Amino acid sequence: MKILFVCTGNTCRSPMAEAILKHKQINNVEVRSAGIYAMPNAQMSAHAQQVLNEAQMSHQHFATQLSQAEMVWADLVLTMTTAHKGTVISNYPEAEHKVFTLKEYTNEGSLENVADPYGGNRAIYEATFAELKELVDQLIQKLEKN
């Protein structure tokens, strides 16, 4: 199973989700992340990196622009918001069957978004990390059932 997390700039939410899932070391699961409007090779947000380091989830990351190659690679594309999902589907309509928001996929159709911590303080990043950790745990439970 190849999972692609997608957010806006690929510097906060999607790389944190990628790091959390990679840290779980699940057999037969590969994970990447990308951004719809990423600046290629941009560094991960400093707060995101600090929060991951404190959780002993060190993660080397450089932003990746969402591309056809990433979409073809992925078996499952999980976006952080409904707006991201809409943009991905409009740009890659052939992939619609494998594109979901993270909350929609893990919480049976939830329309809620993972809030963007970009530009926020450390506490906001910690809250986003905690939310993503819980969602990734739910994702793993769902994958293990299938």
N, C-alpha and C. Protein backbone atom coordinates (compact mmCIF):
# COMPACT_ATOMS: atom_id res chain seq x y z
N MET A 1 0.85 -1.19 0.00
CA MET A 1 0.00 0.00 0.00
C MET A 1 0.88 1.24 0.00
N LYS A 2 0.68 2.08 -1.00
CA LYS A 2 1.46 3.32 -1.13
C LYS A 2 0.54 4.49 -0.82
N ILE A 3 0.87 5.22 0.26
CA ILE A 3 0.02 6.30 0.75
C ILE A 3 0.71 7.64 0.53
N LEU A 4 -0.03 8.58 -0.06
CA LEU A 4 0.47 9.93 -0.30
C LEU A 4 -0.38 10.91 0.49
N PHE A 5 0.26 11.65 1.41
CA PHE A 5 -0.41 12.72 2.14
C PHE A 5 -0.22 14.02 1.37
N VAL A 6 -1.28 14.81 1.25
CA VAL A 6 -1.22 16.05 0.48
C VAL A 6 -1.76 17.22 1.31
N CYS A 7 -1.01 18.33 1.29
CA CYS A 7 -1.50 19.58 1.88
C CYS A 7 -1.14 20.71 0.93
N THR A 8 -1.05 21.92 1.44
CA THR A 8 -0.83 23.08 0.57
C THR A 8 0.63 23.20 0.15
N GLY A 9 1.52 23.43 1.11
CA GLY A 9 2.92 23.70 0.79
C GLY A 9 3.89 22.57 1.08
N ASN A 10 3.39 21.48 1.67
CA ASN A 10 4.22 20.32 2.01
C ASN A 10 5.34 20.71 2.98
N THR A 11 5.02 21.60 3.94
CA THR A 11 6.01 21.97 4.95
C THR A 11 5.50 21.76 6.38
N CYS A 12 4.21 21.48 6.55
CA CYS A 12 3.66 21.33 7.91
C CYS A 12 2.88 20.01 8.07
N ARG A 13 1.63 20.02 7.63
CA ARG A 13 0.74 18.89 7.91
C ARG A 13 1.13 17.60 7.20
N SER A 14 1.28 17.64 5.88
CA SER A 14 1.56 16.39 5.18
C SER A 14 2.91 15.78 5.56
N PRO A 15 3.99 16.57 5.75
CA PRO A 15 5.22 15.92 6.20
C PRO A 15 5.14 15.38 7.63
N MET A 16 4.35 16.05 8.49
CA MET A 16 4.17 15.50 9.85
C MET A 16 3.43 14.17 9.78
N ALA A 17 2.37 14.11 8.97
CA ALA A 17 1.62 12.86 8.82
C ALA A 17 2.52 11.77 8.23
N GLU A 18 3.33 12.13 7.25
CA GLU A 18 4.27 11.18 6.64
C GLU A 18 5.25 10.65 7.70
N ALA A 19 5.80 11.54 8.51
CA ALA A 19 6.77 11.13 9.53
C ALA A 19 6.13 10.21 10.56
N ILE A 20 4.91 10.55 10.98
CA ILE A 20 4.21 9.74 11.98
C ILE A 20 3.98 8.34 11.45
N LEU A 21 3.49 8.23 10.21
CA LEU A 21 3.21 6.90 9.64
C LEU A 21 4.51 6.14 9.39
N LYS A 22 5.54 6.80 8.88
CA LYS A 22 6.83 6.12 8.68
C LYS A 22 7.38 5.58 9.99
N HIS A 23 7.22 6.35 11.06
CA HIS A 23 7.74 5.97 12.37
C HIS A 23 7.09 4.67 12.87
N LYS A 24 5.88 4.39 12.42
CA LYS A 24 5.17 3.17 12.85
C LYS A 24 5.76 1.91 12.21
N GLN A 25 6.49 2.08 11.13
CA GLN A 25 7.15 0.97 10.43
C GLN A 25 6.20 -0.20 10.17
N ILE A 26 5.13 0.08 9.46
CA ILE A 26 4.14 -0.93 9.11
C ILE A 26 4.63 -1.69 7.87
N ASN A 27 4.59 -3.02 7.95
CA ASN A 27 4.98 -3.83 6.80
C ASN A 27 4.09 -3.52 5.61
N ASN A 28 4.68 -3.49 4.43
CA ASN A 28 3.97 -3.30 3.16
C ASN A 28 3.27 -1.95 3.05
N VAL A 29 3.72 -0.95 3.81
CA VAL A 29 3.18 0.40 3.67
C VAL A 29 4.33 1.35 3.36
N GLU A 30 4.21 2.02 2.20
CA GLU A 30 5.17 3.07 1.84
C GLU A 30 4.42 4.39 1.95
N VAL A 31 5.13 5.44 2.30
CA VAL A 31 4.47 6.72 2.49
C VAL A 31 5.33 7.86 1.94
N ARG A 32 4.65 8.82 1.32
CA ARG A 32 5.28 10.04 0.83
C ARG A 32 4.32 11.18 1.12
N SER A 33 4.80 12.41 0.89
CA SER A 33 3.91 13.56 1.01
C SER A 33 4.25 14.55 -0.10
N ALA A 34 3.27 15.41 -0.40
CA ALA A 34 3.44 16.41 -1.45
C ALA A 34 2.52 17.58 -1.16
N GLY A 35 2.79 18.69 -1.83
CA GLY A 35 1.95 19.88 -1.67
C GLY A 35 1.41 20.34 -3.00
N ILE A 36 0.17 20.82 -2.99
CA ILE A 36 -0.46 21.32 -4.20
C ILE A 36 0.29 22.56 -4.72
N TYR A 37 0.73 23.40 -3.77
CA TYR A 37 1.44 24.63 -4.14
C TYR A 37 2.82 24.65 -3.49
N ALA A 38 3.49 23.53 -3.47
CA ALA A 38 4.79 23.43 -2.79
C ALA A 38 5.88 24.16 -3.57
N MET A 39 6.80 24.74 -2.81
CA MET A 39 8.04 25.25 -3.39
C MET A 39 9.03 24.09 -3.30
N PRO A 40 9.37 23.47 -4.42
CA PRO A 40 10.24 22.29 -4.36
C PRO A 40 11.50 22.54 -3.54
N ASN A 41 11.81 21.57 -2.70
CA ASN A 41 12.98 21.55 -1.82
C ASN A 41 12.91 22.52 -0.64
N ALA A 42 11.75 23.14 -0.40
CA ALA A 42 11.61 23.99 0.79
C ALA A 42 11.75 23.12 2.04
N GLN A 43 12.30 23.70 3.08
CA GLN A 43 12.47 22.99 4.35
C GLN A 43 11.12 22.82 5.05
N MET A 44 11.03 21.81 5.88
CA MET A 44 9.86 21.67 6.74
C MET A 44 9.83 22.86 7.70
N SER A 45 8.64 23.28 8.08
CA SER A 45 8.49 24.36 9.06
C SER A 45 9.29 24.03 10.32
N ALA A 46 9.94 25.04 10.88
CA ALA A 46 10.78 24.83 12.07
C ALA A 46 9.98 24.26 13.23
N HIS A 47 8.78 24.77 13.46
CA HIS A 47 7.96 24.24 14.55
C HIS A 47 7.57 22.78 14.29
N ALA A 48 7.24 22.45 13.04
CA ALA A 48 6.88 21.07 12.71
C ALA A 48 8.07 20.15 13.00
N GLN A 49 9.27 20.58 12.58
CA GLN A 49 10.48 19.79 12.82
C GLN A 49 10.74 19.61 14.31
N GLN A 50 10.59 20.68 15.09
CA GLN A 50 10.82 20.60 16.54
C GLN A 50 9.85 19.64 17.21
N VAL A 51 8.57 19.72 16.82
CA VAL A 51 7.56 18.84 17.41
C VAL A 51 7.88 17.38 17.09
N LEU A 52 8.28 17.11 15.85
CA LEU A 52 8.65 15.73 15.47
C LEU A 52 9.89 15.28 16.24
N ASN A 53 10.89 16.14 16.35
CA ASN A 53 12.12 15.78 17.06
C ASN A 53 11.82 15.44 18.52
N GLU A 54 10.96 16.22 19.15
CA GLU A 54 10.61 15.96 20.55
C GLU A 54 9.88 14.63 20.71
N ALA A 55 9.19 14.21 19.68
CA ALA A 55 8.49 12.92 19.71
C ALA A 55 9.40 11.78 19.24
N GLN A 56 10.69 12.04 19.10
CA GLN A 56 11.67 11.07 18.59
C GLN A 56 11.27 10.53 17.22
N MET A 57 10.77 11.41 16.38
CA MET A 57 10.39 11.03 15.01
C MET A 57 11.18 11.88 14.03
N SER A 58 12.47 11.86 14.15
CA SER A 58 13.30 12.70 13.28
C SER A 58 13.01 12.34 11.83
N HIS A 59 12.94 13.37 10.98
CA HIS A 59 12.46 13.17 9.62
C HIS A 59 13.14 14.17 8.70
N GLN A 60 13.92 13.67 7.75
CA GLN A 60 14.53 14.54 6.74
C GLN A 60 13.48 14.83 5.69
N HIS A 61 13.26 16.10 5.40
CA HIS A 61 12.18 16.42 4.48
C HIS A 61 12.50 17.66 3.66
N PHE A 62 12.20 17.56 2.37
CA PHE A 62 12.22 18.70 1.47
C PHE A 62 10.92 18.66 0.69
N ALA A 63 10.26 19.80 0.58
CA ALA A 63 8.94 19.86 -0.04
C ALA A 63 8.95 19.32 -1.46
N THR A 64 7.86 18.63 -1.80
CA THR A 64 7.66 18.05 -3.12
C THR A 64 6.37 18.61 -3.70
N GLN A 65 6.43 19.05 -4.94
CA GLN A 65 5.23 19.53 -5.64
C GLN A 65 4.43 18.31 -6.10
N LEU A 66 3.13 18.34 -5.84
CA LEU A 66 2.26 17.25 -6.31
C LEU A 66 2.37 17.17 -7.83
N SER A 67 2.55 15.95 -8.34
CA SER A 67 2.73 15.76 -9.78
C SER A 67 2.03 14.48 -10.22
N GLN A 68 1.95 14.31 -11.52
CA GLN A 68 1.39 13.09 -12.10
C GLN A 68 2.13 11.86 -11.58
N ALA A 69 3.46 11.96 -11.47
CA ALA A 69 4.27 10.83 -11.00
C ALA A 69 3.86 10.41 -9.60
N GLU A 70 3.65 11.39 -8.70
CA GLU A 70 3.23 11.07 -7.33
C GLU A 70 1.85 10.43 -7.34
N MET A 71 0.96 10.96 -8.16
CA MET A 71 -0.41 10.44 -8.22
C MET A 71 -0.44 9.01 -8.75
N VAL A 72 0.39 8.72 -9.75
CA VAL A 72 0.45 7.36 -10.30
C VAL A 72 1.04 6.40 -9.26
N TRP A 73 2.05 6.87 -8.53
CA TRP A 73 2.71 6.04 -7.51
C TRP A 73 1.74 5.61 -6.42
N ALA A 74 0.86 6.51 -6.00
CA ALA A 74 0.03 6.29 -4.81
C ALA A 74 -1.15 5.35 -5.07
N ASP A 75 -1.39 4.48 -4.07
CA ASP A 75 -2.61 3.67 -4.05
C ASP A 75 -3.74 4.43 -3.35
N LEU A 76 -3.34 5.32 -2.43
CA LEU A 76 -4.29 6.07 -1.62
C LEU A 76 -3.74 7.48 -1.43
N VAL A 77 -4.55 8.48 -1.75
CA VAL A 77 -4.14 9.89 -1.60
C VAL A 77 -5.02 10.51 -0.52
N LEU A 78 -4.38 10.95 0.56
CA LEU A 78 -5.11 11.52 1.69
C LEU A 78 -4.76 13.00 1.84
N THR A 79 -5.77 13.84 1.66
CA THR A 79 -5.56 15.29 1.73
C THR A 79 -5.94 15.79 3.12
N MET A 80 -5.47 16.99 3.45
CA MET A 80 -5.75 17.55 4.76
C MET A 80 -7.08 18.30 4.82
N THR A 81 -7.57 18.76 3.66
CA THR A 81 -8.84 19.51 3.64
C THR A 81 -9.70 19.09 2.45
N THR A 82 -10.97 19.45 2.53
CA THR A 82 -11.87 19.19 1.40
C THR A 82 -11.46 20.03 0.20
N ALA A 83 -10.92 21.23 0.44
CA ALA A 83 -10.45 22.05 -0.69
C ALA A 83 -9.27 21.39 -1.39
N HIS A 84 -8.34 20.81 -0.63
CA HIS A 84 -7.23 20.07 -1.25
C HIS A 84 -7.78 18.92 -2.09
N LYS A 85 -8.74 18.19 -1.54
CA LYS A 85 -9.32 17.05 -2.26
C LYS A 85 -9.91 17.52 -3.58
N GLY A 86 -10.67 18.61 -3.55
CA GLY A 86 -11.28 19.13 -4.76
C GLY A 86 -10.25 19.52 -5.80
N THR A 87 -9.19 20.17 -5.36
CA THR A 87 -8.12 20.59 -6.28
C THR A 87 -7.43 19.38 -6.89
N VAL A 88 -7.12 18.38 -6.06
CA VAL A 88 -6.45 17.18 -6.56
C VAL A 88 -7.33 16.47 -7.59
N ILE A 89 -8.61 16.32 -7.29
CA ILE A 89 -9.51 15.63 -8.22
C ILE A 89 -9.69 16.43 -9.51
N SER A 90 -9.76 17.77 -9.41
CA SER A 90 -9.92 18.54 -10.65
C SER A 90 -8.65 18.46 -11.51
N ASN A 91 -7.49 18.35 -10.88
CA ASN A 91 -6.23 18.24 -11.64
C ASN A 91 -5.94 16.82 -12.12
N TYR A 92 -6.44 15.83 -11.38
CA TYR A 92 -6.17 14.41 -11.70
C TYR A 92 -7.49 13.63 -11.62
N PRO A 93 -8.45 13.91 -12.52
CA PRO A 93 -9.77 13.28 -12.41
C PRO A 93 -9.73 11.75 -12.49
N GLU A 94 -8.73 11.23 -13.16
CA GLU A 94 -8.61 9.76 -13.29
C GLU A 94 -8.29 9.10 -11.95
N ALA A 95 -7.86 9.89 -10.96
CA ALA A 95 -7.48 9.34 -9.64
C ALA A 95 -8.57 9.53 -8.60
N GLU A 96 -9.73 10.04 -8.99
CA GLU A 96 -10.79 10.38 -8.03
C GLU A 96 -11.10 9.23 -7.07
N HIS A 97 -11.07 7.99 -7.57
CA HIS A 97 -11.43 6.83 -6.76
C HIS A 97 -10.48 6.59 -5.57
N LYS A 98 -9.31 7.20 -5.60
CA LYS A 98 -8.34 6.95 -4.52
C LYS A 98 -7.99 8.20 -3.73
N VAL A 99 -8.79 9.27 -3.89
CA VAL A 99 -8.53 10.54 -3.20
C VAL A 99 -9.60 10.78 -2.14
N PHE A 100 -9.16 10.96 -0.91
CA PHE A 100 -10.04 11.21 0.23
C PHE A 100 -9.38 12.26 1.13
N THR A 101 -10.18 12.95 1.94
CA THR A 101 -9.53 13.71 3.01
C THR A 101 -9.15 12.69 4.08
N LEU A 102 -8.15 13.04 4.87
CA LEU A 102 -7.71 12.12 5.94
C LEU A 102 -8.85 11.82 6.90
N LYS A 103 -9.61 12.85 7.27
CA LYS A 103 -10.72 12.63 8.22
C LYS A 103 -11.87 11.86 7.57
N GLU A 104 -12.12 12.11 6.30
CA GLU A 104 -13.17 11.37 5.58
C GLU A 104 -12.83 9.88 5.56
N TYR A 105 -11.56 9.56 5.29
CA TYR A 105 -11.14 8.17 5.18
C TYR A 105 -11.13 7.46 6.53
N THR A 106 -10.68 8.16 7.57
CA THR A 106 -10.55 7.51 8.88
C THR A 106 -11.81 7.59 9.72
N ASN A 107 -12.66 8.58 9.46
CA ASN A 107 -13.86 8.78 10.27
C ASN A 107 -15.14 8.63 9.45
N GLU A 108 -15.12 7.69 8.53
CA GLU A 108 -16.31 7.32 7.77
C GLU A 108 -17.09 8.52 7.23
N GLY A 109 -16.44 9.29 6.38
CA GLY A 109 -17.15 10.33 5.67
C GLY A 109 -17.15 11.71 6.32
N SER A 110 -16.39 11.89 7.39
CA SER A 110 -16.32 13.21 8.04
C SER A 110 -15.90 14.28 7.02
N LEU A 111 -16.53 15.43 7.09
CA LEU A 111 -16.19 16.54 6.19
C LEU A 111 -15.27 17.55 6.88
N GLU A 112 -14.76 17.21 8.07
CA GLU A 112 -13.88 18.13 8.79
C GLU A 112 -12.50 18.16 8.16
N ASN A 113 -11.81 19.28 8.37
CA ASN A 113 -10.45 19.47 7.87
C ASN A 113 -9.44 19.39 9.00
N VAL A 114 -8.19 19.10 8.64
CA VAL A 114 -7.08 19.25 9.57
C VAL A 114 -6.61 20.70 9.42
N ALA A 115 -6.74 21.49 10.47
CA ALA A 115 -6.42 22.92 10.39
C ALA A 115 -4.94 23.14 10.09
N ASP A 116 -4.68 24.19 9.33
CA ASP A 116 -3.32 24.51 8.92
C ASP A 116 -2.61 25.30 10.02
N PRO A 117 -1.51 24.75 10.57
CA PRO A 117 -0.80 25.47 11.62
C PRO A 117 0.17 26.52 11.08
N TYR A 118 0.32 26.61 9.76
CA TYR A 118 1.33 27.47 9.15
C TYR A 118 1.27 28.89 9.71
N GLY A 119 2.41 29.37 10.17
CA GLY A 119 2.50 30.71 10.71
C GLY A 119 2.07 30.82 12.16
N GLY A 120 1.58 29.72 12.71
CA GLY A 120 1.11 29.73 14.09
C GLY A 120 2.25 29.51 15.07
N ASN A 121 1.91 29.57 16.35
CA ASN A 121 2.92 29.35 17.39
C ASN A 121 3.13 27.86 17.64
N ARG A 122 4.05 27.58 18.50
CA ARG A 122 4.44 26.20 18.80
C ARG A 122 3.25 25.37 19.29
N ALA A 123 2.41 25.97 20.13
CA ALA A 123 1.26 25.23 20.69
C ALA A 123 0.32 24.77 19.58
N ILE A 124 0.15 25.60 18.54
CA ILE A 124 -0.71 25.22 17.43
C ILE A 124 -0.13 24.01 16.69
N TYR A 125 1.19 24.00 16.51
CA TYR A 125 1.84 22.85 15.86
C TYR A 125 1.72 21.60 16.72
N GLU A 126 1.85 21.76 18.03
CA GLU A 126 1.70 20.60 18.92
C GLU A 126 0.29 20.03 18.84
N ALA A 127 -0.70 20.90 18.75
CA ALA A 127 -2.10 20.45 18.63
C ALA A 127 -2.31 19.73 17.30
N THR A 128 -1.75 20.27 16.22
CA THR A 128 -1.87 19.64 14.91
C THR A 128 -1.19 18.28 14.91
N PHE A 129 0.00 18.20 15.51
CA PHE A 129 0.72 16.93 15.62
C PHE A 129 -0.12 15.90 16.38
N ALA A 130 -0.71 16.30 17.50
CA ALA A 130 -1.53 15.37 18.30
C ALA A 130 -2.73 14.89 17.48
N GLU A 131 -3.35 15.80 16.73
CA GLU A 131 -4.49 15.42 15.89
C GLU A 131 -4.05 14.45 14.80
N LEU A 132 -2.93 14.75 14.14
CA LEU A 132 -2.44 13.86 13.08
C LEU A 132 -2.05 12.49 13.62
N LYS A 133 -1.46 12.47 14.81
CA LYS A 133 -1.06 11.19 15.42
C LYS A 133 -2.29 10.31 15.64
N GLU A 134 -3.36 10.91 16.15
CA GLU A 134 -4.60 10.18 16.37
C GLU A 134 -5.19 9.69 15.04
N LEU A 135 -5.19 10.55 14.03
CA LEU A 135 -5.74 10.18 12.72
C LEU A 135 -4.91 9.07 12.06
N VAL A 136 -3.59 9.13 12.20
CA VAL A 136 -2.74 8.08 11.63
C VAL A 136 -2.99 6.75 12.35
N ASP A 137 -3.20 6.79 13.66
CA ASP A 137 -3.54 5.56 14.39
C ASP A 137 -4.86 4.98 13.87
N GLN A 138 -5.84 5.85 13.60
CA GLN A 138 -7.12 5.39 13.04
C GLN A 138 -6.92 4.83 11.63
N LEU A 139 -6.05 5.47 10.86
CA LEU A 139 -5.74 5.00 9.51
C LEU A 139 -5.14 3.60 9.56
N ILE A 140 -4.21 3.38 10.47
CA ILE A 140 -3.57 2.07 10.60
C ILE A 140 -4.60 1.01 10.97
N GLN A 141 -5.48 1.33 11.90
CA GLN A 141 -6.54 0.37 12.28
C GLN A 141 -7.41 0.01 11.07
N LYS A 142 -7.73 1.02 10.27
CA LYS A 142 -8.55 0.77 9.07
C LYS A 142 -7.80 -0.09 8.06
N LEU A 143 -6.52 0.20 7.86
CA LEU A 143 -5.72 -0.58 6.91
C LEU A 143 -5.58 -2.03 7.36
N GLU A 144 -5.44 -2.22 8.67
CA GLU A 144 -5.29 -3.60 9.18
C GLU A 144 -6.56 -4.42 9.04
N LYS A 145 -7.71 -3.75 9.02
CA LYS A 145 -9.00 -4.44 8.84
C LYS A 145 -9.19 -4.89 7.40
N ASN A 146 -8.62 -4.11 6.46
CA ASN A 146 -8.84 -4.39 5.03
C ASN A 146 -7.90 -5.44 4.49
